[in-house]
Amino acid sequence: MWRMIAETIIYLIMACTSIASTIAVYLTIKEKDLVKAVIYSALQSALYTIIYFLLLTPDVVLVYLPVAVGLIPGVFLILISKTERWEKE
């Protein structure tokens, strides 16, 4: 019985994380401020990392977290600093 309750809680956390990551993707696409868009993208990647962790794939988490949350947004922020921060319409 306790195992079924624990699995249900994990599935609920995964569902909420999936919905939150979908919202983060939407905000990333609609944002005109490129720095905020990079932050939303990093948030989406962090939420995916939580899902991977709950799916018991620690090797994917150990690679995805520093690359998708740290390295790629860092490179994007450097590129944005070389151009304009706001997207033109």
N, C-alpha and C. Protein backbone atom coordinates (compact mmCIF):
# COMPACT_ATOMS: atom_id res chain seq x y z
N MET A 1 0.81 -1.19 0.00
CA MET A 1 0.00 0.00 0.00
C MET A 1 0.86 1.26 0.00
N TRP A 2 1.91 1.27 0.84
CA TRP A 2 2.78 2.44 0.90
C TRP A 2 3.52 2.64 -0.41
N ARG A 3 3.86 1.55 -1.07
CA ARG A 3 4.56 1.65 -2.35
C ARG A 3 3.67 2.31 -3.40
N MET A 4 2.39 1.97 -3.40
CA MET A 4 1.46 2.55 -4.35
C MET A 4 1.28 4.05 -4.08
N ILE A 5 1.24 4.43 -2.82
CA ILE A 5 1.12 5.84 -2.46
C ILE A 5 2.37 6.60 -2.89
N ALA A 6 3.54 6.02 -2.67
CA ALA A 6 4.80 6.66 -3.07
C ALA A 6 4.87 6.82 -4.59
N GLU A 7 4.46 5.80 -5.32
CA GLU A 7 4.47 5.90 -6.79
C GLU A 7 3.50 6.96 -7.28
N THR A 8 2.35 7.05 -6.63
CA THR A 8 1.37 8.07 -7.01
C THR A 8 1.93 9.47 -6.77
N ILE A 9 2.62 9.66 -5.66
CA ILE A 9 3.22 10.96 -5.37
C ILE A 9 4.28 11.29 -6.40
N ILE A 10 5.10 10.32 -6.77
CA ILE A 10 6.13 10.55 -7.79
C ILE A 10 5.48 10.93 -9.12
N TYR A 11 4.42 10.23 -9.49
CA TYR A 11 3.74 10.55 -10.74
C TYR A 11 3.11 11.95 -10.71
N LEU A 12 2.58 12.35 -9.56
CA LEU A 12 2.02 13.70 -9.44
C LEU A 12 3.11 14.76 -9.55
N ILE A 13 4.25 14.51 -8.94
CA ILE A 13 5.37 15.45 -9.05
C ILE A 13 5.83 15.55 -10.50
N MET A 14 5.90 14.40 -11.19
CA MET A 14 6.30 14.42 -12.59
C MET A 14 5.29 15.16 -13.45
N ALA A 15 4.01 15.01 -13.17
CA ALA A 15 2.97 15.70 -13.93
C ALA A 15 3.05 17.21 -13.72
N CYS A 16 3.22 17.62 -12.47
CA CYS A 16 3.33 19.06 -12.18
C CYS A 16 4.59 19.64 -12.80
N THR A 17 5.69 18.90 -12.75
CA THR A 17 6.94 19.36 -13.35
C THR A 17 6.80 19.46 -14.87
N SER A 18 6.11 18.52 -15.48
CA SER A 18 5.88 18.57 -16.93
C SER A 18 5.05 19.78 -17.33
N ILE A 19 4.02 20.08 -16.56
CA ILE A 19 3.19 21.25 -16.85
C ILE A 19 4.00 22.52 -16.67
N ALA A 20 4.79 22.59 -15.61
CA ALA A 20 5.62 23.78 -15.37
C ALA A 20 6.66 23.96 -16.47
N SER A 21 7.24 22.86 -16.96
CA SER A 21 8.23 22.97 -18.03
C SER A 21 7.57 23.41 -19.34
N THR A 22 6.34 22.99 -19.58
CA THR A 22 5.61 23.45 -20.76
C THR A 22 5.34 24.95 -20.68
N ILE A 23 5.00 25.42 -19.50
CA ILE A 23 4.79 26.86 -19.30
C ILE A 23 6.10 27.61 -19.52
N ALA A 24 7.20 27.07 -19.03
CA ALA A 24 8.50 27.71 -19.22
C ALA A 24 8.87 27.79 -20.70
N VAL A 25 8.56 26.75 -21.46
CA VAL A 25 8.83 26.77 -22.91
C VAL A 25 7.98 27.85 -23.58
N TYR A 26 6.72 27.94 -23.21
CA TYR A 26 5.85 28.97 -23.78
C TYR A 26 6.39 30.37 -23.48
N LEU A 27 6.81 30.59 -22.21
CA LEU A 27 7.35 31.90 -21.84
C LEU A 27 8.65 32.19 -22.58
N THR A 28 9.44 31.17 -22.83
CA THR A 28 10.69 31.34 -23.58
C THR A 28 10.40 31.81 -25.00
N ILE A 29 9.41 31.22 -25.62
CA ILE A 29 9.09 31.55 -27.00
C ILE A 29 8.48 32.95 -27.10
N LYS A 30 7.64 33.34 -26.17
CA LYS A 30 6.93 34.61 -26.24
C LYS A 30 7.73 35.81 -25.73
N GLU A 31 8.80 35.58 -24.99
CA GLU A 31 9.54 36.68 -24.37
C GLU A 31 10.34 37.47 -25.39
N LYS A 32 10.25 38.80 -25.31
CA LYS A 32 11.00 39.69 -26.21
C LYS A 32 12.37 40.04 -25.64
N ASP A 33 12.51 39.97 -24.31
CA ASP A 33 13.79 40.21 -23.65
C ASP A 33 14.58 38.90 -23.71
N LEU A 34 15.69 38.91 -24.43
CA LEU A 34 16.42 37.67 -24.67
C LEU A 34 17.05 37.10 -23.40
N VAL A 35 17.43 37.96 -22.45
CA VAL A 35 18.01 37.45 -21.19
C VAL A 35 16.95 36.69 -20.40
N LYS A 36 15.75 37.23 -20.35
CA LYS A 36 14.66 36.51 -19.67
C LYS A 36 14.34 35.20 -20.39
N ALA A 37 14.42 35.21 -21.71
CA ALA A 37 14.16 33.98 -22.46
C ALA A 37 15.19 32.91 -22.13
N VAL A 38 16.45 33.30 -21.96
CA VAL A 38 17.49 32.34 -21.58
C VAL A 38 17.23 31.80 -20.18
N ILE A 39 16.77 32.66 -19.28
CA ILE A 39 16.47 32.21 -17.92
C ILE A 39 15.30 31.23 -17.92
N TYR A 40 14.27 31.51 -18.71
CA TYR A 40 13.15 30.58 -18.82
C TYR A 40 13.59 29.25 -19.42
N SER A 41 14.48 29.32 -20.37
CA SER A 41 14.99 28.08 -20.99
C SER A 41 15.79 27.27 -19.98
N ALA A 42 16.59 27.93 -19.17
CA ALA A 42 17.34 27.22 -18.13
C ALA A 42 16.39 26.61 -17.08
N LEU A 43 15.32 27.33 -16.77
CA LEU A 43 14.31 26.80 -15.84
C LEU A 43 13.66 25.54 -16.42
N GLN A 44 13.34 25.58 -17.70
CA GLN A 44 12.76 24.41 -18.36
C GLN A 44 13.72 23.22 -18.30
N SER A 45 14.99 23.48 -18.52
CA SER A 45 15.98 22.40 -18.45
C SER A 45 16.11 21.85 -17.04
N ALA A 46 16.04 22.72 -16.05
CA ALA A 46 16.11 22.26 -14.66
C ALA A 46 14.90 21.39 -14.31
N LEU A 47 13.74 21.76 -14.83
CA LEU A 47 12.54 20.95 -14.58
C LEU A 47 12.64 19.60 -15.27
N TYR A 48 13.21 19.57 -16.47
CA TYR A 48 13.45 18.29 -17.13
C TYR A 48 14.40 17.42 -16.32
N THR A 49 15.38 18.06 -15.70
CA THR A 49 16.33 17.31 -14.88
C THR A 49 15.63 16.63 -13.71
N ILE A 50 14.66 17.31 -13.12
CA ILE A 50 13.89 16.70 -12.03
C ILE A 50 13.14 15.47 -12.54
N ILE A 51 12.57 15.58 -13.72
CA ILE A 51 11.85 14.44 -14.30
C ILE A 51 12.80 13.28 -14.55
N TYR A 52 13.98 13.58 -15.10
CA TYR A 52 14.96 12.51 -15.33
C TYR A 52 15.38 11.85 -14.02
N PHE A 53 15.52 12.65 -12.97
CA PHE A 53 15.90 12.10 -11.67
C PHE A 53 14.81 11.18 -11.13
N LEU A 54 13.56 11.59 -11.28
CA LEU A 54 12.45 10.75 -10.80
C LEU A 54 12.29 9.48 -11.63
N LEU A 55 12.75 9.52 -12.88
CA LEU A 55 12.72 8.32 -13.71
C LEU A 55 13.93 7.41 -13.48
N LEU A 56 14.72 7.76 -12.48
CA LEU A 56 15.88 6.96 -12.04
C LEU A 56 16.95 6.83 -13.14
N THR A 57 17.28 7.97 -13.75
CA THR A 57 18.37 8.00 -14.73
C THR A 57 19.44 8.99 -14.25
N PRO A 58 20.21 8.60 -13.23
CA PRO A 58 21.18 9.54 -12.66
C PRO A 58 22.31 9.90 -13.62
N ASP A 59 22.66 9.01 -14.54
CA ASP A 59 23.72 9.34 -15.49
C ASP A 59 23.30 10.45 -16.43
N VAL A 60 22.04 10.45 -16.84
CA VAL A 60 21.52 11.52 -17.70
C VAL A 60 21.46 12.83 -16.92
N VAL A 61 21.06 12.76 -15.66
CA VAL A 61 20.97 13.95 -14.81
C VAL A 61 22.35 14.57 -14.64
N LEU A 62 23.36 13.76 -14.41
CA LEU A 62 24.71 14.28 -14.17
C LEU A 62 25.30 14.95 -15.40
N VAL A 63 24.86 14.58 -16.58
CA VAL A 63 25.34 15.22 -17.80
C VAL A 63 24.44 16.39 -18.19
N TYR A 64 23.14 16.21 -18.11
CA TYR A 64 22.18 17.20 -18.58
C TYR A 64 22.18 18.46 -17.72
N LEU A 65 22.32 18.31 -16.42
CA LEU A 65 22.24 19.47 -15.52
C LEU A 65 23.34 20.50 -15.79
N PRO A 66 24.61 20.13 -15.78
CA PRO A 66 25.61 21.19 -16.01
C PRO A 66 25.61 21.73 -17.44
N VAL A 67 25.26 20.90 -18.40
CA VAL A 67 25.28 21.37 -19.79
C VAL A 67 24.06 22.24 -20.07
N ALA A 68 22.87 21.75 -19.79
CA ALA A 68 21.64 22.45 -20.18
C ALA A 68 21.28 23.60 -19.24
N VAL A 69 21.72 23.55 -17.99
CA VAL A 69 21.39 24.62 -17.05
C VAL A 69 22.54 25.59 -16.89
N GLY A 70 23.77 25.14 -17.09
CA GLY A 70 24.92 26.01 -16.88
C GLY A 70 25.63 26.46 -18.13
N LEU A 71 26.08 25.53 -18.94
CA LEU A 71 26.94 25.85 -20.07
C LEU A 71 26.19 26.57 -21.20
N ILE A 72 25.09 26.00 -21.65
CA ILE A 72 24.36 26.58 -22.78
C ILE A 72 23.79 27.97 -22.45
N PRO A 73 23.13 28.17 -21.30
CA PRO A 73 22.69 29.54 -20.99
C PRO A 73 23.86 30.52 -20.84
N GLY A 74 24.98 30.03 -20.33
CA GLY A 74 26.15 30.90 -20.24
C GLY A 74 26.64 31.36 -21.59
N VAL A 75 26.70 30.44 -22.54
CA VAL A 75 27.10 30.80 -23.90
C VAL A 75 26.08 31.75 -24.53
N PHE A 76 24.80 31.49 -24.32
CA PHE A 76 23.77 32.38 -24.86
C PHE A 76 23.87 33.78 -24.27
N LEU A 77 24.15 33.87 -22.97
CA LEU A 77 24.28 35.19 -22.35
C LEU A 77 25.48 35.95 -22.89
N ILE A 78 26.57 35.24 -23.16
CA ILE A 78 27.74 35.88 -23.78
C ILE A 78 27.38 36.38 -25.17
N LEU A 79 26.66 35.56 -25.94
CA LEU A 79 26.25 35.98 -27.28
C LEU A 79 25.30 37.17 -27.24
N ILE A 80 24.38 37.18 -26.28
CA ILE A 80 23.45 38.30 -26.16
C ILE A 80 24.20 39.58 -25.78
N SER A 81 25.23 39.46 -24.96
CA SER A 81 26.00 40.65 -24.59
C SER A 81 26.73 41.25 -25.79
N LYS A 82 26.99 40.45 -26.81
CA LYS A 82 27.66 40.94 -28.02
C LYS A 82 26.67 41.57 -29.02
N THR A 83 25.38 41.33 -28.80
CA THR A 83 24.36 41.87 -29.70
C THR A 83 23.40 42.73 -28.88
N GLU A 84 22.16 42.85 -29.34
CA GLU A 84 21.16 43.61 -28.62
C GLU A 84 20.34 42.69 -27.73
N ARG A 85 19.91 43.24 -26.60
CA ARG A 85 19.18 42.42 -25.63
C ARG A 85 17.74 42.18 -26.04
N TRP A 86 17.14 43.12 -26.73
CA TRP A 86 15.72 43.03 -27.06
C TRP A 86 15.53 42.54 -28.48
N GLU A 87 14.57 41.64 -28.67
CA GLU A 87 14.24 41.14 -30.00
C GLU A 87 13.43 42.19 -30.74
N LYS A 88 13.79 42.41 -31.99
CA LYS A 88 13.05 43.38 -32.80
C LYS A 88 11.83 42.71 -33.42
N GLU A 89 10.79 43.48 -33.58
CA GLU A 89 9.57 42.92 -34.16
C GLU A 89 9.57 42.94 -35.64
